C-alpha atoms as a PDB file:
ATOM      1  CA  UNK A   1      13.086-261.257  32.471  1.00  0.00           C
ATOM      2  CA  UNK A   2      11.323-263.400  30.081  1.00  0.00           C
ATOM      3  CA  UNK A   3      12.469-263.471  26.483  1.00  0.00           C
ATOM      4  CA  UNK A   4      10.833-264.690  23.331  1.00  0.00           C
ATOM      5  CA  UNK A   5      13.681-267.370  22.424  1.00  0.00           C
ATOM      6  CA  UNK A   6      12.913-271.167  22.812  1.00  0.00           C
ATOM      7  CA  UNK A   7      15.375-273.831  22.216  1.00  0.00           C
ATOM      8  CA  UNK A   8      18.239-271.641  21.240  1.00  0.00           C
ATOM      9  CA  UNK A   9      20.691-269.079  23.096  1.00  0.00           C
ATOM     10  CA  UNK A  10      21.153-266.305  20.442  1.00  0.00           C
ATOM     11  CA  UNK A  11      24.495-264.486  20.112  1.00  0.00           C
ATOM     12  CA  UNK A  12      24.211-261.355  21.832  1.00  0.00           C
ATOM     13  CA  UNK A  13      24.898-258.083  19.950  1.00  0.00           C
ATOM     14  CA  UNK A  14      27.635-257.201  22.151  1.00  0.00           C
ATOM     15  CA  UNK A  15      29.375-260.527  21.407  1.00  0.00           C
ATOM     16  CA  UNK A  16      28.938-260.790  17.686  1.00  0.00           C
ATOM     17  CA  UNK A  17      31.560-260.781  15.442  1.00  0.00           C
ATOM     18  CA  UNK A  18      31.844-261.348  11.536  1.00  0.00           C
ATOM     19  CA  UNK A  19      28.791-261.978   9.596  1.00  0.00           C
ATOM     20  CA  UNK A  20      26.829-261.943  12.549  1.00  0.00           C
ATOM     21  CA  UNK A  21      28.039-258.779  13.613  1.00  0.00           C
ATOM     22  CA  UNK A  22      27.568-257.388  10.175  1.00  0.00           C
ATOM     23  CA  UNK A  23      23.790-258.629   9.929  1.00  0.00           C
ATOM     24  CA  UNK A  24      23.071-257.126  13.289  1.00  0.00           C
ATOM     25  CA  UNK A  25      24.588-253.893  11.810  1.00  0.00           C
ATOM     26  CA  UNK A  26      22.462-253.830   8.657  1.00  0.00           C
ATOM     27  CA  UNK A  27      19.245-254.651  10.920  1.00  0.00           C
ATOM     28  CA  UNK A  28      19.879-251.562  12.948  1.00  0.00           C
ATOM     29  CA  UNK A  29      20.500-249.369   9.808  1.00  0.00           C
ATOM     30  CA  UNK A  30      17.856-250.602   7.665  1.00  0.00           C
ATOM     31  CA  UNK A  31      15.362-252.052   9.660  1.00  0.00           C
ATOM     32  CA  UNK A  32      15.461-249.635  12.714  1.00  0.00           C
ATOM     33  CA  UNK A  33      15.761-252.229  15.238  1.00  0.00           C
ATOM     34  CA  UNK A  34      19.079-253.329  16.897  1.00  0.00           C
ATOM     35  CA  UNK A  35      17.401-256.419  17.962  1.00  0.00           C
ATOM     36  CA  UNK A  36      15.322-258.650  16.026  1.00  0.00           C
ATOM     37  CA  UNK A  37      14.485-261.787  17.646  1.00  0.00           C
ATOM     38  CA  UNK A  38      13.934-264.001  14.487  1.00  0.00           C
ATOM     39  CA  UNK A  39      17.391-263.183  13.249  1.00  0.00           C
ATOM     40  CA  UNK A  40      18.749-263.357  16.590  1.00  0.00           C
ATOM     41  CA  UNK A  41      17.473-266.915  16.743  1.00  0.00           C
ATOM     42  CA  UNK A  42      19.170-267.865  13.962  1.00  0.00           C
ATOM     43  CA  UNK A  43      22.820-266.156  14.724  1.00  0.00           C
ATOM     44  CA  UNK A  44      24.213-269.548  16.032  1.00  0.00           C
ATOM     45  CA  UNK A  45      24.015-270.535  12.376  1.00  0.00           C
ATOM     46  CA  UNK A  46      25.802-267.742  10.466  1.00  0.00           C
ATOM     47  CA  UNK A  47      25.267-268.889   6.924  1.00  0.00           C
ATOM     48  CA  UNK A  48      21.599-269.417   7.538  1.00  0.00           C
ATOM     49  CA  UNK A  49      21.376-266.081   9.357  1.00  0.00           C
ATOM     50  CA  UNK A  50      23.071-264.291   6.433  1.00  0.00           C
ATOM     51  CA  UNK A  51      21.007-265.871   3.800  1.00  0.00           C
ATOM     52  CA  UNK A  52      17.809-265.374   5.476  1.00  0.00           C
ATOM     53  CA  UNK A  53      18.467-261.786   6.391  1.00  0.00           C
ATOM     54  CA  UNK A  54      19.468-261.068   2.410  1.00  0.00           C
ATOM     55  CA  UNK A  55      16.311-262.684   1.293  1.00  0.00           C
ATOM     56  CA  UNK A  56      14.145-260.601   3.465  1.00  0.00           C
ATOM     57  CA  UNK A  57      16.107-257.256   3.222  1.00  0.00           C
ATOM     58  CA  UNK A  58      16.349-257.305  -0.545  1.00  0.00           C
ATOM     59  CA  UNK A  59      12.699-258.064  -1.211  1.00  0.00           C
ATOM     60  CA  UNK A  60      10.798-256.032   1.788  1.00  0.00           C
ATOM     61  CA  UNK A  61      13.324-253.305   2.559  1.00  0.00           C
ATOM     62  CA  UNK A  62      15.145-252.610  -0.680  1.00  0.00           C
ATOM     63  CA  UNK A  63      13.808-251.895  -4.221  1.00  0.00           C
ATOM     64  CA  UNK A  64      11.194-249.456  -5.947  1.00  0.00           C
ATOM     65  CA  UNK A  65       7.939-251.222  -4.948  1.00  0.00           C
ATOM     66  CA  UNK A  66       6.058-249.289  -2.375  1.00  0.00           C
ATOM     67  CA  UNK A  67       7.039-250.403   1.377  1.00  0.00           C
ATOM     68  CA  UNK A  68       3.532-250.075   2.472  1.00  0.00           C
ATOM     69  CA  UNK A  69       2.305-252.521  -0.115  1.00  0.00           C
ATOM     70  CA  UNK A  70       5.020-254.992   0.874  1.00  0.00           C
ATOM     71  CA  UNK A  71       4.032-254.672   4.666  1.00  0.00           C
ATOM     72  CA  UNK A  72       0.705-255.274   3.620  1.00  0.00           C
ATOM     73  CA  UNK A  73       1.862-258.691   1.620  1.00  0.00           C
ATOM     74  CA  UNK A  74       4.127-259.438   4.765  1.00  0.00           C
ATOM     75  CA  UNK A  75       1.187-259.242   7.114  1.00  0.00           C
ATOM     76  CA  UNK A  76      -1.398-260.943   4.796  1.00  0.00           C
ATOM     77  CA  UNK A  77       1.026-263.981   4.617  1.00  0.00           C
ATOM     78  CA  UNK A  78       1.580-263.918   8.525  1.00  0.00           C
ATOM     79  CA  UNK A  79      -2.062-264.026   8.938  1.00  0.00           C
ATOM     80  CA  UNK A  80      -2.471-266.771   6.771  1.00  0.00           C
ATOM     81  CA  UNK A  81      -0.056-268.753   8.462  1.00  0.00           C
ATOM     82  CA  UNK A  82      -1.313-267.983  12.048  1.00  0.00           C
ATOM     83  CA  UNK A  83       1.789-266.307  13.165  1.00  0.00           C
ATOM     84  CA  UNK A  84       0.765-263.809  15.655  1.00  0.00           C
ATOM     85  CA  UNK A  85       4.377-262.807  16.481  1.00  0.00           C
ATOM     86  CA  UNK A  86       4.718-261.727  12.848  1.00  0.00           C
ATOM     87  CA  UNK A  87       1.321-260.194  12.659  1.00  0.00           C
ATOM     88  CA  UNK A  88       1.954-257.928  15.344  1.00  0.00           C
ATOM     89  CA  UNK A  89       5.351-256.807  14.100  1.00  0.00           C
ATOM     90  CA  UNK A  90       4.117-255.999  10.798  1.00  0.00           C
ATOM     91  CA  UNK A  91       1.204-254.195  12.237  1.00  0.00           C
ATOM     92  CA  UNK A  92       3.597-251.979  13.845  1.00  0.00           C
ATOM     93  CA  UNK A  93       5.578-251.504  10.593  1.00  0.00           C
ATOM     94  CA  UNK A  94       2.232-250.562   9.002  1.00  0.00           C
ATOM     95  CA  UNK A  95       1.987-247.856  11.452  1.00  0.00           C
ATOM     96  CA  UNK A  96       5.487-247.006  10.631  1.00  0.00           C
ATOM     97  CA  UNK A  97       4.706-246.321   7.225  1.00  0.00           C
ATOM     98  CA  UNK A  98       2.029-243.564   8.465  1.00  0.00           C
ATOM     99  CA  UNK A  99      -1.220-245.310   7.422  1.00  0.00           C
ATOM    100  CA  UNK A 100      -2.518-245.967  10.871  1.00  0.00           C
ATOM    101  CA  UNK A 101      -6.164-246.697   9.485  1.00  0.00           C
ATOM    102  CA  UNK A 102      -4.633-249.564   7.469  1.00  0.00           C
ATOM    103  CA  UNK A 103      -2.694-250.899  10.140  1.00  0.00           C
ATOM    104  CA  UNK A 104      -5.315-251.281  12.523  1.00  0.00           C
ATOM    105  CA  UNK A 105      -8.005-252.464   9.810  1.00  0.00           C
ATOM    106  CA  UNK A 106      -5.900-255.403   9.056  1.00  0.00           C
ATOM    107  CA  UNK A 107      -5.036-255.904  12.595  1.00  0.00           C
ATOM    108  CA  UNK A 108      -8.871-256.414  13.361  1.00  0.00           C
ATOM    109  CA  UNK A 109      -9.049-258.769  10.483  1.00  0.00           C
ATOM    110  CA  UNK A 110     -10.981-256.526   8.057  1.00  0.00           C
ATOM    111  CA  UNK A 111     -10.504-255.609   4.639  1.00  0.00           C
ATOM    112  CA  UNK A 112      -8.796-252.653   3.728  1.00  0.00           C
ATOM    113  CA  UNK A 113     -10.648-249.655   2.157  1.00  0.00           C
ATOM    114  CA  UNK A 114      -8.333-249.255  -0.495  1.00  0.00           C
ATOM    115  CA  UNK A 115      -8.863-251.733  -3.215  1.00  0.00           C
ATOM    116  CA  UNK A 116      -5.154-251.840  -4.319  1.00  0.00           C
ATOM    117  CA  UNK A 117      -4.329-252.895  -0.511  1.00  0.00           C
ATOM    118  CA  UNK A 118      -7.293-255.316  -0.359  1.00  0.00           C
ATOM    119  CA  UNK A 119      -6.138-257.047  -3.520  1.00  0.00           C
ATOM    120  CA  UNK A 120      -2.386-257.180  -2.178  1.00  0.00           C
ATOM    121  CA  UNK A 121      -3.751-258.771   1.210  1.00  0.00           C
ATOM    122  CA  UNK A 122      -5.983-261.299  -0.455  1.00  0.00           C
ATOM    123  CA  UNK A 123      -2.998-262.246  -2.994  1.00  0.00           C
ATOM    124  CA  UNK A 124      -0.839-262.813  -0.001  1.00  0.00           C
ATOM    125  CA  UNK A 125      -3.304-264.763   2.008  1.00  0.00           C
ATOM    126  CA  UNK A 126      -3.794-266.978  -1.059  1.00  0.00           C
ATOM    127  CA  UNK A 127       0.026-267.602  -1.593  1.00  0.00           C
ATOM    128  CA  UNK A 128      -0.318-269.972   1.588  1.00  0.00           C
ATOM    129  CA  UNK A 129      -2.731-272.679  -0.591  1.00  0.00           C
ATOM    130  CA  UNK A 130      -5.033-272.534   2.263  1.00  0.00           C
ATOM    131  CA  UNK A 131      -7.626-270.265   0.380  1.00  0.00           C
ATOM    132  CA  UNK A 132      -9.737-272.263  -1.921  1.00  0.00           C
ATOM    133  CA  UNK A 133     -10.778-271.104  -5.326  1.00  0.00           C
ATOM    134  CA  UNK A 134      -8.966-269.948  -8.510  1.00  0.00           C
ATOM    135  CA  UNK A 135      -5.817-267.928  -8.053  1.00  0.00           C
ATOM    136  CA  UNK A 136      -6.317-264.329  -8.486  1.00  0.00           C
ATOM    137  CA  UNK A 137      -4.191-262.279 -10.876  1.00  0.00           C
ATOM    138  CA  UNK A 138      -0.893-260.763  -9.476  1.00  0.00           C
ATOM    139  CA  UNK A 139      -2.041-257.347  -8.059  1.00  0.00           C
ATOM    140  CA  UNK A 140       1.270-255.737  -8.967  1.00  0.00           C
ATOM    141  CA  UNK A 141       3.121-254.864 -12.296  1.00  0.00           C
ATOM    142  CA  UNK A 142       5.723-257.267 -13.510  1.00  0.00           C
ATOM    143  CA  UNK A 143       8.575-255.115 -12.804  1.00  0.00           C
ATOM    144  CA  UNK A 144       7.648-255.293  -9.213  1.00  0.00           C
ATOM    145  CA  UNK A 145       7.068-258.995  -8.952  1.00  0.00           C
ATOM    146  CA  UNK A 146      10.303-260.038  -7.821  1.00  0.00           C
ATOM    147  CA  UNK A 147       9.831-257.764  -4.675  1.00  0.00           C
ATOM    148  CA  UNK A 148       6.219-258.796  -4.140  1.00  0.00           C
ATOM    149  CA  UNK A 149       6.815-262.459  -4.383  1.00  0.00           C
ATOM    150  CA  UNK A 150      10.137-262.308  -2.635  1.00  0.00           C
ATOM    151  CA  UNK A 151       8.500-260.767   0.292  1.00  0.00           C
ATOM    152  CA  UNK A 152       5.785-263.424   0.383  1.00  0.00           C
ATOM    153  CA  UNK A 153       8.152-266.357   0.147  1.00  0.00           C
ATOM    154  CA  UNK A 154      10.463-264.698   2.487  1.00  0.00           C
ATOM    155  CA  UNK A 155       7.653-264.656   5.383  1.00  0.00           C
ATOM    156  CA  UNK A 156       6.483-268.006   4.613  1.00  0.00           C
ATOM    157  CA  UNK A 157       9.969-269.016   5.569  1.00  0.00           C
ATOM    158  CA  UNK A 158      10.178-266.390   8.571  1.00  0.00           C
ATOM    159  CA  UNK A 159       6.669-267.359   9.982  1.00  0.00           C
ATOM    160  CA  UNK A 160       7.655-271.126  10.177  1.00  0.00           C
ATOM    161  CA  UNK A 161      11.085-270.080  12.005  1.00  0.00           C
ATOM    162  CA  UNK A 162       9.283-267.646  14.276  1.00  0.00           C
ATOM    163  CA  UNK A 163       6.451-270.525  15.295  1.00  0.00           C
ATOM    164  CA  UNK A 164       8.977-273.113  15.877  1.00  0.00           C
ATOM    165  CA  UNK A 165      11.739-271.183  17.766  1.00  0.00           C
ATOM    166  CA  UNK A 166      10.082-268.102  19.429  1.00  0.00           C
ATOM    167  CA  UNK A 167       7.064-267.328  21.657  1.00  0.00           C
ATOM    168  CA  UNK A 168       4.132-265.719  20.575  1.00  0.00           C
ATOM    169  CA  UNK A 169       5.243-262.234  22.085  1.00  0.00           C
ATOM    170  CA  UNK A 170       7.843-259.971  20.915  1.00  0.00           C
ATOM    171  CA  UNK A 171       7.076-257.413  23.716  1.00  0.00           C
ATOM    172  CA  UNK A 172       6.614-258.586  27.605  1.00  0.00           C
ATOM    173  CA  UNK A 173       3.223-259.418  28.316  1.00  0.00           C
ATOM    174  CA  UNK A 174       1.801-259.082  24.857  1.00  0.00           C
ATOM    175  CA  UNK A 175       2.207-255.393  24.859  1.00  0.00           C
ATOM    176  CA  UNK A 176       2.351-255.192  21.165  1.00  0.00           C
ATOM    177  CA  UNK A 177      -1.405-255.943  21.198  1.00  0.00           C
ATOM    178  CA  UNK A 178      -2.142-252.563  22.499  1.00  0.00           C
ATOM    179  CA  UNK A 179      -3.282-250.166  19.722  1.00  0.00           C
ATOM    180  CA  UNK A 180      -1.197-247.296  21.480  1.00  0.00           C
ATOM    181  CA  UNK A 181       1.886-249.359  21.972  1.00  0.00           C
ATOM    182  CA  UNK A 182       1.749-250.388  18.084  1.00  0.00           C
ATOM    183  CA  UNK A 183       1.277-246.718  17.147  1.00  0.00           C
ATOM    184  CA  UNK A 184       3.950-245.524  19.413  1.00  0.00           C
ATOM    185  CA  UNK A 185       6.508-248.347  18.371  1.00  0.00           C
ATOM    186  CA  UNK A 186       5.597-247.551  14.496  1.00  0.00           C
ATOM    187  CA  UNK A 187       6.474-243.962  15.041  1.00  0.00           C
ATOM    188  CA  UNK A 188       9.856-244.935  16.628  1.00  0.00           C
ATOM    189  CA  UNK A 189      10.521-247.085  13.453  1.00  0.00           C
ATOM    190  CA  UNK A 190       9.175-244.388  10.770  1.00  0.00           C
ATOM    191  CA  UNK A 191      12.450-242.998   9.635  1.00  0.00           C
ATOM    192  CA  UNK A 192      14.159-246.184   8.803  1.00  0.00           C
ATOM    193  CA  UNK A 193      10.862-247.261   7.009  1.00  0.00           C
ATOM    194  CA  UNK A 194      10.746-243.971   4.973  1.00  0.00           C
ATOM    195  CA  UNK A 195      14.262-244.004   4.395  1.00  0.00           C
ATOM    196  CA  UNK A 196      14.497-247.154   2.481  1.00  0.00           C
ATOM    197  CA  UNK A 197      17.570-249.398   1.887  1.00  0.00           C
ATOM    198  CA  UNK A 198      19.978-249.521  -0.842  1.00  0.00           C
ATOM    199  CA  UNK A 199      19.414-252.695  -3.119  1.00  0.00           C
ATOM    200  CA  UNK A 200      22.351-255.210  -3.053  1.00  0.00           C
ATOM    201  CA  UNK A 201      23.706-254.054   0.201  1.00  0.00           C
ATOM    202  CA  UNK A 202      23.470-257.713   1.645  1.00  0.00           C
ATOM    203  CA  UNK A 203      24.855-259.491  -1.254  1.00  0.00           C
ATOM    204  CA  UNK A 204      28.716-259.115   0.031  1.00  0.00           C
ATOM    205  CA  UNK A 205      27.663-261.125   2.998  1.00  0.00           C
ATOM    206  CA  UNK A 206      26.808-263.752   0.839  1.00  0.00           C
ATOM    207  CA  UNK A 207      30.262-264.595  -0.579  1.00  0.00           C
ATOM    208  CA  UNK A 208      31.419-268.249  -0.162  1.00  0.00           C
ATOM    209  CA  UNK A 209      27.864-269.514   0.843  1.00  0.00           C
ATOM    210  CA  UNK A 210      26.615-272.480  -1.366  1.00  0.00           C
ATOM    211  CA  UNK A 211      24.133-271.430  -3.999  1.00  0.00           C
ATOM    212  CA  UNK A 212      22.297-273.043  -6.772  1.00  0.00           C
ATOM    213  CA  UNK A 213      20.400-271.362  -9.697  1.00  0.00           C
ATOM    214  CA  UNK A 214      18.505-268.143  -9.152  1.00  0.00           C
ATOM    215  CA  UNK A 215      14.635-268.559  -9.244  1.00  0.00           C
ATOM    216  CA  UNK A 216      13.470-267.724 -12.571  1.00  0.00           C
ATOM    217  CA  UNK A 217      11.015-264.980 -11.024  1.00  0.00           C
ATOM    218  CA  UNK A 218      13.995-262.994  -9.697  1.00  0.00           C
ATOM    219  CA  UNK A 219      16.850-264.043 -11.956  1.00  0.00           C
ATOM    220  CA  UNK A 220      19.543-261.450 -12.348  1.00  0.00           C
ATOM    221  CA  UNK A 221      18.361-259.366  -9.334  1.00  0.00           C
ATOM    222  CA  UNK A 222      19.705-259.041  -5.627  1.00  0.00           C
ATOM    223  CA  UNK A 223      16.438-261.015  -4.726  1.00  0.00           C
ATOM    224  CA  UNK A 224      17.083-263.889  -7.013  1.00  0.00           C
ATOM    225  CA  UNK A 225      20.876-264.093  -5.622  1.00  0.00           C
ATOM    226  CA  UNK A 226      19.646-263.944  -1.999  1.00  0.00           C
ATOM    227  CA  UNK A 227      17.224-266.759  -2.513  1.00  0.00           C
ATOM    228  CA  UNK A 228      19.591-268.873  -4.442  1.00  0.00           C
ATOM    229  CA  UNK A 229      21.756-268.838  -1.255  1.00  0.00           C
ATOM    230  CA  UNK A 230      19.005-269.331   1.196  1.00  0.00           C
ATOM    231  CA  UNK A 231      18.228-272.570  -0.840  1.00  0.00           C
ATOM    232  CA  UNK A 232      21.791-273.519  -0.948  1.00  0.00           C
ATOM    233  CA  UNK A 233      22.324-273.136   2.760  1.00  0.00           C
ATOM    234  CA  UNK A 234      19.092-274.935   3.500  1.00  0.00           C
ATOM    235  CA  UNK A 235      20.186-277.990   1.772  1.00  0.00           C
ATOM    236  CA  UNK A 236      23.380-278.181   3.092  1.00  0.00           C
ATOM    237  CA  UNK A 237      24.249-281.003   5.525  1.00  0.00           C
ATOM    238  CA  UNK A 238      24.395-279.333   8.655  1.00  0.00           C
ATOM    239  CA  UNK A 239      22.357-276.220  10.141  1.00  0.00           C
ATOM    240  CA  UNK A 240      24.244-275.725  13.571  1.00  0.00           C
ATOM    241  CA  UNK A 241      21.392-274.100  15.538  1.00  0.00           C
ATOM    242  CA  UNK A 242      21.878-276.449  18.564  1.00  0.00           C
ATOM    243  CA  UNK A 243      20.729-279.752  19.415  1.00  0.00           C
ATOM    244  CA  UNK A 244      17.613-278.870  21.122  1.00  0.00           C
ATOM    245  CA  UNK A 245      16.422-276.671  18.345  1.00  0.00           C
ATOM    246  CA  UNK A 246      17.258-279.315  15.785  1.00  0.00           C
ATOM    247  CA  UNK A 247      15.356-281.999  17.677  1.00  0.00           C
ATOM    248  CA  UNK A 248      12.245-279.773  18.048  1.00  0.00           C
ATOM    249  CA  UNK A 249      12.323-278.678  14.403  1.00  0.00           C
ATOM    250  CA  UNK A 250      12.749-282.600  13.429  1.00  0.00           C
ATOM    251  CA  UNK A 251       9.777-283.469  15.712  1.00  0.00           C
ATOM    252  CA  UNK A 252       7.444-280.834  14.130  1.00  0.00           C
ATOM    253  CA  UNK A 253       8.261-281.898  10.741  1.00  0.00           C
ATOM    254  CA  UNK A 254       8.053-285.667  11.695  1.00  0.00           C
ATOM    255  CA  UNK A 255       4.447-285.031  12.807  1.00  0.00           C
ATOM    256  CA  UNK A 256       3.423-282.636   9.940  1.00  0.00           C
ATOM    257  CA  UNK A 257       0.344-284.044   8.036  1.00  0.00           C
ATOM    258  CA  UNK A 258       1.300-282.172   4.890  1.00  0.00           C
ATOM    259  CA  UNK A 259      -1.733-279.778   5.606  1.00  0.00           C
ATOM    260  CA  UNK A 260      -1.458-276.073   5.904  1.00  0.00           C
ATOM    261  CA  UNK A 261       0.293-275.000   9.237  1.00  0.00           C
END
């Protein structure tokens, strides 16, 4: 059966141990998915996997800002970065919040009817730098900034990893593009989405990882600690994703002209 994986042989859930098994367990509990291709792709490099998971989990899944708003941001960033895999995945997750109309409106490339969601979507897309014009004011209160900014930055990272290392389809034959499949998939994940996640649960996984200063926009929060670890790991000398994956990523970076992907 075809898989979404390119260049990397992921660690199977049944064979996982140590930090990889712990991340897989948190994914199943907090995301409602026992198998998430992006994080499985990072599994040969446990330090990267742990830090990337912590950054996404603490920003998107945990905290007090509404999950639906953060899913709008995740989808908006993914649209701006032209990452169909992530757009489809977060359309399903928008369905999981229960707002099926919002999910399909964004999937069609239309502006949400809710002014709040429309502002969040526009802000998220503008974070790519590909949208001309002056920056719009942040459409969220200062107390929620770390969660929204963290979600946006996490997906700028995730989109690039997905585009480099996965195919465009997370279901066979592109079934995720069916409105019915998206809605049914959302229903299956709705319990985990509505339950939320406890902030800070990913931090014990970061023990021993290299880390620099926390970013000012999230300093003193679990999100800040997670992003400090992700930066530290990314700047380390070796990321053992495998020779084929590393050659592919190096080639893509070498061909990059500095423009928006």
